[in-house]
């Protein structure tokens, strides 16, 4: 029972890692679209740079925490599997 819950949580963290990794590319995609077309920028200058840096830092922190939790859950899963192998 506990192993199934851990595997479900691992899947959730893996999905969040994939989504946050994709989201880290949004500022670059936005810059590419602005430079390749005549779309006016929503936020320009220093404020735009600061907001982009804050965005990337927040997603990097979220990605790091998710990676830490994923590693922790994988270790817990491994311990449960080893305990089951010894007892079984």
C-alpha atoms as a PDB file:
ATOM      1  CA  UNK A   1       0.000   0.000   0.000  1.00  0.00           C
ATOM      2  CA  UNK A   2       2.708   2.471   0.976  1.00  0.00           C
ATOM      3  CA  UNK A   3       4.762   1.516  -2.082  1.00  0.00           C
ATOM      4  CA  UNK A   4       1.869   2.347  -4.415  1.00  0.00           C
ATOM      5  CA  UNK A   5       1.436   5.776  -2.799  1.00  0.00           C
ATOM      6  CA  UNK A   6       5.158   6.484  -3.142  1.00  0.00           C
ATOM      7  CA  UNK A   7       5.115   5.480  -6.808  1.00  0.00           C
ATOM      8  CA  UNK A   8       2.142   7.791  -7.437  1.00  0.00           C
ATOM      9  CA  UNK A   9       3.949  10.676  -5.742  1.00  0.00           C
ATOM     10  CA  UNK A  10       7.080   9.921  -7.779  1.00  0.00           C
ATOM     11  CA  UNK A  11       4.999  10.132 -10.968  1.00  0.00           C
ATOM     12  CA  UNK A  12       3.547  13.473  -9.827  1.00  0.00           C
ATOM     13  CA  UNK A  13       7.000  14.910  -9.129  1.00  0.00           C
ATOM     14  CA  UNK A  14       8.308  13.657 -12.482  1.00  0.00           C
ATOM     15  CA  UNK A  15       5.437  15.408 -14.257  1.00  0.00           C
ATOM     16  CA  UNK A  16       6.062  18.633 -12.344  1.00  0.00           C
ATOM     17  CA  UNK A  17       9.765  18.444 -13.250  1.00  0.00           C
ATOM     18  CA  UNK A  18       8.941  18.092 -16.930  1.00  0.00           C
ATOM     19  CA  UNK A  19       6.474  20.991 -16.834  1.00  0.00           C
ATOM     20  CA  UNK A  20       8.832  23.281 -14.923  1.00  0.00           C
ATOM     21  CA  UNK A  21      11.665  22.400 -17.316  1.00  0.00           C
ATOM     22  CA  UNK A  22       9.457  23.415 -20.236  1.00  0.00           C
ATOM     23  CA  UNK A  23       8.365  26.592 -18.434  1.00  0.00           C
ATOM     24  CA  UNK A  24      11.998  27.657 -18.028  1.00  0.00           C
ATOM     25  CA  UNK A  25      12.169  28.136 -21.806  1.00  0.00           C
ATOM     26  CA  UNK A  26       9.219  30.583 -21.981  1.00  0.00           C
ATOM     27  CA  UNK A  27      11.310  33.781 -21.597  1.00  0.00           C
ATOM     28  CA  UNK A  28      13.580  32.655 -24.440  1.00  0.00           C
ATOM     29  CA  UNK A  29      10.620  31.765 -26.639  1.00  0.00           C
ATOM     30  CA  UNK A  30       9.024  35.136 -25.851  1.00  0.00           C
ATOM     31  CA  UNK A  31      12.240  36.971 -26.791  1.00  0.00           C
ATOM     32  CA  UNK A  32      12.471  35.011 -30.040  1.00  0.00           C
ATOM     33  CA  UNK A  33       8.879  35.878 -30.963  1.00  0.00           C
ATOM     34  CA  UNK A  34       9.449  39.567 -30.199  1.00  0.00           C
ATOM     35  CA  UNK A  35      12.650  39.722 -32.269  1.00  0.00           C
ATOM     36  CA  UNK A  36      11.255  37.782 -35.230  1.00  0.00           C
ATOM     37  CA  UNK A  37       7.971  39.688 -35.534  1.00  0.00           C
ATOM     38  CA  UNK A  38       6.653  43.186 -34.987  1.00  0.00           C
ATOM     39  CA  UNK A  39       4.828  42.396 -31.752  1.00  0.00           C
ATOM     40  CA  UNK A  40       5.337  45.155 -29.155  1.00  0.00           C
ATOM     41  CA  UNK A  41       6.915  44.064 -25.891  1.00  0.00           C
ATOM     42  CA  UNK A  42       4.651  44.014 -22.869  1.00  0.00           C
ATOM     43  CA  UNK A  43       7.380  45.014 -20.424  1.00  0.00           C
ATOM     44  CA  UNK A  44      10.599  46.661 -21.587  1.00  0.00           C
ATOM     45  CA  UNK A  45      13.896  47.803 -20.166  1.00  0.00           C
ATOM     46  CA  UNK A  46      15.228  46.992 -16.748  1.00  0.00           C
ATOM     47  CA  UNK A  47      11.831  45.988 -15.382  1.00  0.00           C
ATOM     48  CA  UNK A  48      11.430  43.382 -18.117  1.00  0.00           C
ATOM     49  CA  UNK A  49      14.881  41.972 -17.398  1.00  0.00           C
ATOM     50  CA  UNK A  50      14.219  41.859 -13.658  1.00  0.00           C
ATOM     51  CA  UNK A  51      10.868  40.117 -14.148  1.00  0.00           C
ATOM     52  CA  UNK A  52      12.454  37.552 -16.476  1.00  0.00           C
ATOM     53  CA  UNK A  53      15.211  36.838 -13.947  1.00  0.00           C
ATOM     54  CA  UNK A  54      12.680  36.485 -11.117  1.00  0.00           C
ATOM     55  CA  UNK A  55      10.574  34.145 -13.274  1.00  0.00           C
ATOM     56  CA  UNK A  56      13.548  31.924 -14.103  1.00  0.00           C
ATOM     57  CA  UNK A  57      14.769  31.899 -10.493  1.00  0.00           C
ATOM     58  CA  UNK A  58      11.346  30.932  -9.142  1.00  0.00           C
ATOM     59  CA  UNK A  59      10.986  28.077 -11.597  1.00  0.00           C
ATOM     60  CA  UNK A  60      14.563  26.954 -10.929  1.00  0.00           C
ATOM     61  CA  UNK A  61      13.835  26.889  -7.182  1.00  0.00           C
ATOM     62  CA  UNK A  62      10.614  24.949  -7.822  1.00  0.00           C
ATOM     63  CA  UNK A  63      12.547  22.541 -10.068  1.00  0.00           C
ATOM     64  CA  UNK A  64      15.269  22.067  -7.424  1.00  0.00           C
ATOM     65  CA  UNK A  65      12.770  21.351  -4.645  1.00  0.00           C
ATOM     66  CA  UNK A  66      10.909  18.892  -6.860  1.00  0.00           C
ATOM     67  CA  UNK A  67      14.167  17.148  -7.766  1.00  0.00           C
ATOM     68  CA  UNK A  68      15.139  16.901  -4.087  1.00  0.00           C
ATOM     69  CA  UNK A  69      11.747  15.411  -3.202  1.00  0.00           C
ATOM     70  CA  UNK A  70      11.963  12.985  -6.116  1.00  0.00           C
ATOM     71  CA  UNK A  71      15.379  11.752  -4.981  1.00  0.00           C
ATOM     72  CA  UNK A  72      14.105  11.402  -1.422  1.00  0.00           C
ATOM     73  CA  UNK A  73      11.068   9.399  -2.559  1.00  0.00           C
ATOM     74  CA  UNK A  74      13.201   7.143  -4.755  1.00  0.00           C
ATOM     75  CA  UNK A  75      15.455   6.370  -1.778  1.00  0.00           C
ATOM     76  CA  UNK A  76      12.406   5.623   0.370  1.00  0.00           C
ATOM     77  CA  UNK A  77      11.027   3.342  -2.352  1.00  0.00           C
ATOM     78  CA  UNK A  78      14.384   1.555  -2.582  1.00  0.00           C
ATOM     79  CA  UNK A  79      14.447   0.989   1.198  1.00  0.00           C
ATOM     80  CA  UNK A  80      10.929  -0.462   1.110  1.00  0.00           C
ATOM     81  CA  UNK A  81      11.880  -2.779  -1.746  1.00  0.00           C
ATOM     82  CA  UNK A  82      15.020  -3.918   0.097  1.00  0.00           C
ATOM     83  CA  UNK A  83      12.999  -4.529   3.269  1.00  0.00           C
ATOM     84  CA  UNK A  84      10.471  -6.583   1.298  1.00  0.00           C
ATOM     85  CA  UNK A  85      13.273  -8.609  -0.315  1.00  0.00           C
ATOM     86  CA  UNK A  86      14.839  -9.409   3.071  1.00  0.00           C
ATOM     87  CA  UNK A  87      11.556 -10.385   4.707  1.00  0.00           C
ATOM     88  CA  UNK A  88      10.206 -12.294   1.700  1.00  0.00           C
END
